C-alpha atoms as a PDB file:
ATOM      1  CA  UNK A   1     223.516 -84.609  83.723  1.00  0.00           C
ATOM      2  CA  UNK A   2     224.226 -83.738  80.153  1.00  0.00           C
ATOM      3  CA  UNK A   3     222.863 -80.160  80.079  1.00  0.00           C
ATOM      4  CA  UNK A   4     224.287 -78.533  83.207  1.00  0.00           C
ATOM      5  CA  UNK A   5     223.482 -74.832  83.205  1.00  0.00           C
ATOM      6  CA  UNK A   6     225.108 -72.063  85.159  1.00  0.00           C
ATOM      7  CA  UNK A   7     222.930 -70.734  87.997  1.00  0.00           C
ATOM      8  CA  UNK A   8     222.686 -67.142  89.072  1.00  0.00           C
ATOM      9  CA  UNK A   9     225.692 -66.284  91.216  1.00  0.00           C
ATOM     10  CA  UNK A  10     224.475 -64.273  94.179  1.00  0.00           C
ATOM     11  CA  UNK A  11     227.863 -62.980  95.300  1.00  0.00           C
ATOM     12  CA  UNK A  12     231.395 -64.279  95.213  1.00  0.00           C
ATOM     13  CA  UNK A  13     231.115 -68.065  95.389  1.00  0.00           C
ATOM     14  CA  UNK A  14     227.515 -68.176  96.642  1.00  0.00           C
ATOM     15  CA  UNK A  15     224.956 -69.722  94.268  1.00  0.00           C
ATOM     16  CA  UNK A  16     221.218 -70.268  94.419  1.00  0.00           C
ATOM     17  CA  UNK A  17     220.244 -73.398  92.499  1.00  0.00           C
ATOM     18  CA  UNK A  18     216.716 -74.173  91.326  1.00  0.00           C
ATOM     19  CA  UNK A  19     217.133 -77.508  89.521  1.00  0.00           C
ATOM     20  CA  UNK A  20     219.413 -80.489  89.022  1.00  0.00           C
ATOM     21  CA  UNK A  21     221.185 -78.910  86.059  1.00  0.00           C
ATOM     22  CA  UNK A  22     222.244 -75.879  88.072  1.00  0.00           C
ATOM     23  CA  UNK A  23     223.222 -78.087  91.027  1.00  0.00           C
ATOM     24  CA  UNK A  24     225.400 -80.224  88.753  1.00  0.00           C
ATOM     25  CA  UNK A  25     227.067 -77.150  87.286  1.00  0.00           C
ATOM     26  CA  UNK A  26     228.167 -75.857  90.702  1.00  0.00           C
ATOM     27  CA  UNK A  27     229.099 -79.251  92.174  1.00  0.00           C
ATOM     28  CA  UNK A  28     231.309 -80.197  89.230  1.00  0.00           C
ATOM     29  CA  UNK A  29     232.810 -76.760  88.476  1.00  0.00           C
ATOM     30  CA  UNK A  30     233.373 -75.207  91.905  1.00  0.00           C
ATOM     31  CA  UNK A  31     235.678 -77.134  94.220  1.00  0.00           C
ATOM     32  CA  UNK A  32     236.750 -74.383  96.635  1.00  0.00           C
ATOM     33  CA  UNK A  33     235.855 -74.784 100.298  1.00  0.00           C
ATOM     34  CA  UNK A  34     234.325 -71.288 100.317  1.00  0.00           C
ATOM     35  CA  UNK A  35     231.655 -72.210  97.744  1.00  0.00           C
ATOM     36  CA  UNK A  36     228.108 -72.010  99.123  1.00  0.00           C
ATOM     37  CA  UNK A  37     225.048 -73.497  97.467  1.00  0.00           C
ATOM     38  CA  UNK A  38     221.591 -72.347  98.550  1.00  0.00           C
ATOM     39  CA  UNK A  39     218.668 -74.464  97.396  1.00  0.00           C
ATOM     40  CA  UNK A  40     215.979 -72.237  95.900  1.00  0.00           C
ATOM     41  CA  UNK A  41     213.401 -75.027  95.717  1.00  0.00           C
ATOM     42  CA  UNK A  42     213.019 -78.778  95.969  1.00  0.00           C
ATOM     43  CA  UNK A  43     215.224 -80.594  93.447  1.00  0.00           C
ATOM     44  CA  UNK A  44     214.100 -83.936  92.021  1.00  0.00           C
ATOM     45  CA  UNK A  45     217.005 -85.898  90.544  1.00  0.00           C
ATOM     46  CA  UNK A  46     214.882 -88.945  89.670  1.00  0.00           C
ATOM     47  CA  UNK A  47     215.170 -88.491  85.912  1.00  0.00           C
ATOM     48  CA  UNK A  48     218.964 -88.829  85.894  1.00  0.00           C
ATOM     49  CA  UNK A  49     221.712 -91.120  87.148  1.00  0.00           C
ATOM     50  CA  UNK A  50     223.829 -89.064  89.544  1.00  0.00           C
ATOM     51  CA  UNK A  51     227.616 -89.316  89.679  1.00  0.00           C
ATOM     52  CA  UNK A  52     228.881 -88.195  93.112  1.00  0.00           C
ATOM     53  CA  UNK A  53     230.833 -84.935  93.149  1.00  0.00           C
ATOM     54  CA  UNK A  54     233.831 -86.120  95.146  1.00  0.00           C
ATOM     55  CA  UNK A  55     235.791 -82.879  94.689  1.00  0.00           C
ATOM     56  CA  UNK A  56     233.133 -80.517  96.066  1.00  0.00           C
ATOM     57  CA  UNK A  57     234.279 -79.126  99.429  1.00  0.00           C
ATOM     58  CA  UNK A  58     231.762 -76.331  99.931  1.00  0.00           C
ATOM     59  CA  UNK A  59     228.512 -76.108 101.876  1.00  0.00           C
ATOM     60  CA  UNK A  60     224.942 -76.791 100.751  1.00  0.00           C
ATOM     61  CA  UNK A  61     222.162 -75.004 102.649  1.00  0.00           C
ATOM     62  CA  UNK A  62     218.765 -76.602 102.147  1.00  0.00           C
ATOM     63  CA  UNK A  63     216.696 -73.607 103.284  1.00  0.00           C
ATOM     64  CA  UNK A  64     213.845 -76.035 104.106  1.00  0.00           C
ATOM     65  CA  UNK A  65     214.064 -77.549 100.606  1.00  0.00           C
ATOM     66  CA  UNK A  66     215.240 -81.061  99.701  1.00  0.00           C
ATOM     67  CA  UNK A  67     217.206 -82.922  97.059  1.00  0.00           C
ATOM     68  CA  UNK A  68     215.356 -86.184  96.468  1.00  0.00           C
ATOM     69  CA  UNK A  69     215.139 -89.265  94.219  1.00  0.00           C
ATOM     70  CA  UNK A  70     218.921 -89.480  93.950  1.00  0.00           C
ATOM     71  CA  UNK A  71     220.002 -92.461  91.838  1.00  0.00           C
ATOM     72  CA  UNK A  72     223.754 -92.865  92.331  1.00  0.00           C
ATOM     73  CA  UNK A  73     225.594 -94.203  89.293  1.00  0.00           C
END
């Protein structure tokens, strides 16, 4: 993901992400275990090769949304 953008930070280390760019920003820049990602919609990663974020230790809450079409590089 070459254009990762910073999502709105709800409070502290809690983020709501709406797209793959925002998801990438949090996964690759926040490594603390107290980081929380809330999906704000379905996220289609089909247009990009995805490099796993091995250092992310936080929690992702789907909120009935999904991350789909993940192509792992």
